[in-house]
Amino acid sequence: MIKSGFIILMAVFFTLSLSAIFKNRSNLFLNSPKEQTSISTDTFIILIAGKQIKIDIADTEEKRSRGLSGKKSLPENAGMLFVFGIPAQYSFWMKDMRFSIDIIWIDETKKIVAVSENISPDTYPASFSPSDPVKYVLEVNAGWTQKNGIVVGDNIELIELPHS
């Protein structure tokens, strides 16, 4: 009796494990409180007010911690999207940054709730955070938001590019 119960329990565990392994990759815009899994080498584009930005995803604690620190620059129309599991008022600083950026704060409905412009590496150790909870934070080159007319209230859309 104990042996058959153990076998049933192991079969359930095995089935759940396989389900997790073969489940489609997590959608970055799911409103799940769970920590997002890493999205490895895919290329993504964000659309904001008809403007495109090629992005890298920072969706793990390690990637979010590293961010753009140490990079010499960003290509034009490129950025990094930080993805958090739970909406909150996350703080960012310019530790080990070599260039100025704009920070675009995005809520869980994919609407821009704030923009912090032209943040210089000289501001370190000051930190920046939005007044409203956000689930996503987009870092782009300084001046990009103004140049492209990006404003609070704009929505974003994530598009996965086909694999080459």
C-alpha atoms as a PDB file:
ATOM      1  CA  MET A   1       0.000   0.000   0.000  1.00  0.00           C
ATOM      2  CA  ILE A   2       2.760   2.456   0.927  1.00  0.00           C
ATOM      3  CA  LYS A   3       4.736   1.457  -2.157  1.00  0.00           C
ATOM      4  CA  SER A   4       1.793   2.149  -4.539  1.00  0.00           C
ATOM      5  CA  GLY A   5       1.146   5.532  -2.846  1.00  0.00           C
ATOM      6  CA  PHE A   6       4.803   6.436  -3.294  1.00  0.00           C
ATOM      7  CA  ILE A   7       4.680   5.403  -6.968  1.00  0.00           C
ATOM      8  CA  ILE A   8       1.572   7.541  -7.551  1.00  0.00           C
ATOM      9  CA  LEU A   9       3.220  10.505  -5.817  1.00  0.00           C
ATOM     10  CA  MET A  10       6.363  10.101  -7.945  1.00  0.00           C
ATOM     11  CA  ALA A  11       4.247   9.852 -11.137  1.00  0.00           C
ATOM     12  CA  VAL A  12       2.462  13.110 -10.263  1.00  0.00           C
ATOM     13  CA  PHE A  13       5.793  14.811  -9.505  1.00  0.00           C
ATOM     14  CA  PHE A  14       7.269  13.513 -12.785  1.00  0.00           C
ATOM     15  CA  THR A  15       4.241  14.735 -14.770  1.00  0.00           C
ATOM     16  CA  LEU A  16       4.433  18.191 -13.187  1.00  0.00           C
ATOM     17  CA  SER A  17       8.173  18.355 -13.853  1.00  0.00           C
ATOM     18  CA  LEU A  18       7.716  17.463 -17.527  1.00  0.00           C
ATOM     19  CA  SER A  19       4.951  20.012 -17.820  1.00  0.00           C
ATOM     20  CA  ALA A  20       7.265  22.722 -16.469  1.00  0.00           C
ATOM     21  CA  ILE A  21      10.106  21.684 -18.774  1.00  0.00           C
ATOM     22  CA  PHE A  22       8.018  21.638 -21.937  1.00  0.00           C
ATOM     23  CA  LYS A  23       5.879  24.646 -21.120  1.00  0.00           C
ATOM     24  CA  ASN A  24       6.256  27.449 -23.654  1.00  0.00           C
ATOM     25  CA  ARG A  25       8.676  30.174 -22.688  1.00  0.00           C
ATOM     26  CA  SER A  26       7.198  32.651 -20.220  1.00  0.00           C
ATOM     27  CA  ASN A  27       5.543  35.629 -21.851  1.00  0.00           C
ATOM     28  CA  LEU A  28       7.285  38.749 -20.578  1.00  0.00           C
ATOM     29  CA  PHE A  29       3.987  40.552 -20.237  1.00  0.00           C
ATOM     30  CA  LEU A  30       2.106  37.993 -18.157  1.00  0.00           C
ATOM     31  CA  ASN A  31       0.755  39.563 -14.994  1.00  0.00           C
ATOM     32  CA  SER A  32       2.249  36.858 -12.810  1.00  0.00           C
ATOM     33  CA  PRO A  33       3.771  37.573  -9.404  1.00  0.00           C
ATOM     34  CA  LYS A  34       6.353  34.844 -10.021  1.00  0.00           C
ATOM     35  CA  GLU A  35       9.920  35.696 -10.952  1.00  0.00           C
ATOM     36  CA  GLN A  36      10.331  35.583 -14.731  1.00  0.00           C
ATOM     37  CA  THR A  37      12.643  32.964 -16.187  1.00  0.00           C
ATOM     38  CA  SER A  38      15.609  34.006 -18.271  1.00  0.00           C
ATOM     39  CA  ILE A  39      15.040  34.686 -21.960  1.00  0.00           C
ATOM     40  CA  SER A  40      18.386  33.715 -23.445  1.00  0.00           C
ATOM     41  CA  THR A  41      19.431  34.840 -26.898  1.00  0.00           C
ATOM     42  CA  ASP A  42      16.254  36.032 -28.553  1.00  0.00           C
ATOM     43  CA  THR A  43      16.055  39.480 -30.097  1.00  0.00           C
ATOM     44  CA  PHE A  44      13.162  41.720 -29.206  1.00  0.00           C
ATOM     45  CA  ILE A  45      11.819  45.009 -30.434  1.00  0.00           C
ATOM     46  CA  ILE A  46       9.719  47.369 -28.331  1.00  0.00           C
ATOM     47  CA  LEU A  47       7.276  49.669 -30.070  1.00  0.00           C
ATOM     48  CA  ILE A  48       6.484  52.955 -28.325  1.00  0.00           C
ATOM     49  CA  ALA A  49       4.355  55.533 -30.113  1.00  0.00           C
ATOM     50  CA  GLY A  50       5.350  53.955 -33.443  1.00  0.00           C
ATOM     51  CA  LYS A  51       9.078  54.077 -32.609  1.00  0.00           C
ATOM     52  CA  GLN A  52      11.147  50.894 -32.503  1.00  0.00           C
ATOM     53  CA  ILE A  53      13.867  50.002 -30.021  1.00  0.00           C
ATOM     54  CA  LYS A  54      15.953  46.831 -30.180  1.00  0.00           C
ATOM     55  CA  ILE A  55      16.290  45.579 -26.616  1.00  0.00           C
ATOM     56  CA  ASP A  56      18.169  43.233 -24.380  1.00  0.00           C
ATOM     57  CA  ILE A  57      16.109  41.713 -21.585  1.00  0.00           C
ATOM     58  CA  ALA A  58      17.158  41.866 -17.911  1.00  0.00           C
ATOM     59  CA  ASP A  59      14.730  39.418 -16.354  1.00  0.00           C
ATOM     60  CA  THR A  60      16.810  37.709 -13.658  1.00  0.00           C
ATOM     61  CA  GLU A  61      18.292  39.143 -10.485  1.00  0.00           C
ATOM     62  CA  GLU A  62      21.803  38.790 -11.930  1.00  0.00           C
ATOM     63  CA  LYS A  63      20.941  40.533 -15.216  1.00  0.00           C
ATOM     64  CA  ARG A  64      19.019  43.315 -13.463  1.00  0.00           C
ATOM     65  CA  SER A  65      21.914  43.863 -11.050  1.00  0.00           C
ATOM     66  CA  ARG A  66      24.425  44.156 -13.889  1.00  0.00           C
ATOM     67  CA  GLY A  67      22.149  46.159 -16.205  1.00  0.00           C
ATOM     68  CA  LEU A  68      24.115  48.448 -18.501  1.00  0.00           C
ATOM     69  CA  SER A  69      26.966  48.887 -16.008  1.00  0.00           C
ATOM     70  CA  GLY A  70      30.370  48.775 -17.633  1.00  0.00           C
ATOM     71  CA  LYS A  71      29.103  49.130 -21.218  1.00  0.00           C
ATOM     72  CA  LYS A  72      30.755  51.917 -23.182  1.00  0.00           C
ATOM     73  CA  SER A  73      27.587  52.914 -25.036  1.00  0.00           C
ATOM     74  CA  LEU A  74      24.302  51.790 -26.529  1.00  0.00           C
ATOM     75  CA  PRO A  75      23.661  51.704 -30.271  1.00  0.00           C
ATOM     76  CA  GLU A  76      21.092  54.202 -31.523  1.00  0.00           C
ATOM     77  CA  ASN A  77      17.517  52.952 -31.002  1.00  0.00           C
ATOM     78  CA  ALA A  78      18.631  50.268 -28.541  1.00  0.00           C
ATOM     79  CA  GLY A  79      18.003  49.717 -24.866  1.00  0.00           C
ATOM     80  CA  MET A  80      17.591  47.336 -21.984  1.00  0.00           C
ATOM     81  CA  LEU A  81      14.232  46.251 -20.610  1.00  0.00           C
ATOM     82  CA  PHE A  82      14.193  45.282 -16.941  1.00  0.00           C
ATOM     83  CA  VAL A  83      11.362  42.863 -16.160  1.00  0.00           C
ATOM     84  CA  PHE A  84      10.162  42.370 -12.589  1.00  0.00           C
ATOM     85  CA  GLY A  85       7.791  39.716 -11.278  1.00  0.00           C
ATOM     86  CA  ILE A  86       5.765  42.051  -9.093  1.00  0.00           C
ATOM     87  CA  PRO A  87       4.911  45.747  -9.630  1.00  0.00           C
ATOM     88  CA  ALA A  88       6.736  47.992  -7.130  1.00  0.00           C
ATOM     89  CA  GLN A  89       8.669  51.256  -6.903  1.00  0.00           C
ATOM     90  CA  TYR A  90      12.085  49.938  -7.975  1.00  0.00           C
ATOM     91  CA  SER A  91      15.145  52.163  -7.559  1.00  0.00           C
ATOM     92  CA  PHE A  92      17.938  52.512 -10.109  1.00  0.00           C
ATOM     93  CA  TRP A  93      21.342  54.130  -9.805  1.00  0.00           C
ATOM     94  CA  MET A  94      24.216  54.876 -12.158  1.00  0.00           C
ATOM     95  CA  LYS A  95      26.885  52.677 -10.557  1.00  0.00           C
ATOM     96  CA  ASP A  96      29.654  51.825 -13.054  1.00  0.00           C
ATOM     97  CA  MET A  97      27.788  53.570 -15.889  1.00  0.00           C
ATOM     98  CA  ARG A  98      29.838  55.266 -18.614  1.00  0.00           C
ATOM     99  CA  PHE A  99      27.105  57.205 -20.427  1.00  0.00           C
ATOM    100  CA  SER A 100      23.896  59.093 -19.673  1.00  0.00           C
ATOM    101  CA  ILE A 101      20.486  57.473 -20.112  1.00  0.00           C
ATOM    102  CA  ASP A 102      16.759  58.085 -20.040  1.00  0.00           C
ATOM    103  CA  ILE A 103      14.746  55.752 -17.816  1.00  0.00           C
ATOM    104  CA  ILE A 104      11.218  54.912 -18.909  1.00  0.00           C
ATOM    105  CA  TRP A 105       9.019  53.553 -16.092  1.00  0.00           C
ATOM    106  CA  ILE A 106       6.246  51.186 -17.306  1.00  0.00           C
ATOM    107  CA  ASP A 107       3.373  49.716 -15.294  1.00  0.00           C
ATOM    108  CA  GLU A 108       1.902  46.227 -15.558  1.00  0.00           C
ATOM    109  CA  THR A 109      -0.617  47.380 -18.187  1.00  0.00           C
ATOM    110  CA  LYS A 110       2.375  48.372 -20.388  1.00  0.00           C
ATOM    111  CA  LYS A 111       1.683  52.087 -20.013  1.00  0.00           C
ATOM    112  CA  ILE A 112       4.476  54.587 -19.397  1.00  0.00           C
ATOM    113  CA  VAL A 113       3.888  56.142 -15.968  1.00  0.00           C
ATOM    114  CA  ALA A 114       7.052  58.270 -15.726  1.00  0.00           C
ATOM    115  CA  VAL A 115      10.190  59.256 -17.618  1.00  0.00           C
ATOM    116  CA  SER A 116      13.504  60.271 -16.018  1.00  0.00           C
ATOM    117  CA  GLU A 117      15.598  62.054 -18.627  1.00  0.00           C
ATOM    118  CA  ASN A 118      19.323  62.641 -19.103  1.00  0.00           C
ATOM    119  CA  ILE A 119      20.543  60.827 -16.015  1.00  0.00           C
ATOM    120  CA  SER A 120      24.307  61.178 -15.860  1.00  0.00           C
ATOM    121  CA  PRO A 121      26.832  58.740 -14.358  1.00  0.00           C
ATOM    122  CA  ASP A 122      27.879  61.697 -12.173  1.00  0.00           C
ATOM    123  CA  THR A 123      24.642  61.287 -10.194  1.00  0.00           C
ATOM    124  CA  TYR A 124      25.934  58.109  -8.515  1.00  0.00           C
ATOM    125  CA  PRO A 125      25.246  57.209  -5.673  1.00  0.00           C
ATOM    126  CA  ALA A 126      21.842  58.913  -5.952  1.00  0.00           C
ATOM    127  CA  SER A 127      19.006  56.587  -6.915  1.00  0.00           C
ATOM    128  CA  PHE A 128      15.956  57.155  -9.092  1.00  0.00           C
ATOM    129  CA  SER A 129      12.523  55.605  -8.741  1.00  0.00           C
ATOM    130  CA  PRO A 130       9.014  56.294 -10.019  1.00  0.00           C
ATOM    131  CA  SER A 131       6.190  57.586  -7.843  1.00  0.00           C
ATOM    132  CA  ASP A 132       3.919  54.744  -9.077  1.00  0.00           C
ATOM    133  CA  PRO A 133       4.565  50.986  -9.016  1.00  0.00           C
ATOM    134  CA  VAL A 134       6.094  49.594 -12.219  1.00  0.00           C
ATOM    135  CA  LYS A 135       6.698  46.129 -13.595  1.00  0.00           C
ATOM    136  CA  TYR A 136       9.051  47.141 -16.428  1.00  0.00           C
ATOM    137  CA  VAL A 137      11.847  49.677 -16.714  1.00  0.00           C
ATOM    138  CA  LEU A 138      13.386  50.621 -20.051  1.00  0.00           C
ATOM    139  CA  GLU A 139      16.809  52.269 -20.244  1.00  0.00           C
ATOM    140  CA  VAL A 140      17.701  54.062 -23.476  1.00  0.00           C
ATOM    141  CA  ASN A 141      20.285  56.609 -24.579  1.00  0.00           C
ATOM    142  CA  ALA A 142      19.909  60.050 -23.017  1.00  0.00           C
ATOM    143  CA  GLY A 143      17.703  62.279 -25.140  1.00  0.00           C
ATOM    144  CA  TRP A 144      15.980  59.381 -26.915  1.00  0.00           C
ATOM    145  CA  THR A 145      12.600  59.981 -25.266  1.00  0.00           C
ATOM    146  CA  GLN A 146      12.524  63.678 -26.145  1.00  0.00           C
ATOM    147  CA  LYS A 147      13.863  63.115 -29.680  1.00  0.00           C
ATOM    148  CA  ASN A 148      11.106  60.560 -30.328  1.00  0.00           C
ATOM    149  CA  GLY A 149       8.262  62.347 -28.550  1.00  0.00           C
ATOM    150  CA  ILE A 150       7.781  59.638 -25.918  1.00  0.00           C
ATOM    151  CA  VAL A 151       5.494  60.804 -23.097  1.00  0.00           C
ATOM    152  CA  VAL A 152       3.724  59.523 -20.009  1.00  0.00           C
ATOM    153  CA  GLY A 153       0.604  57.645 -21.100  1.00  0.00           C
ATOM    154  CA  ASP A 154       2.184  56.035 -24.179  1.00  0.00           C
ATOM    155  CA  ASN A 155       1.864  52.247 -24.343  1.00  0.00           C
ATOM    156  CA  ILE A 156       4.573  49.761 -25.252  1.00  0.00           C
ATOM    157  CA  GLU A 157       4.377  46.557 -27.247  1.00  0.00           C
ATOM    158  CA  LEU A 158       6.973  43.795 -27.303  1.00  0.00           C
ATOM    159  CA  ILE A 159       7.666  41.984 -30.584  1.00  0.00           C
ATOM    160  CA  GLU A 160       9.896  38.916 -30.911  1.00  0.00           C
ATOM    161  CA  LEU A 161      11.906  38.869 -34.121  1.00  0.00           C
ATOM    162  CA  PRO A 162      12.121  35.625 -36.099  1.00  0.00           C
ATOM    163  CA  HIS A 163      15.229  33.546 -35.475  1.00  0.00           C
ATOM    164  CA  SER A 164      17.843  33.794 -38.201  1.00  0.00           C
END
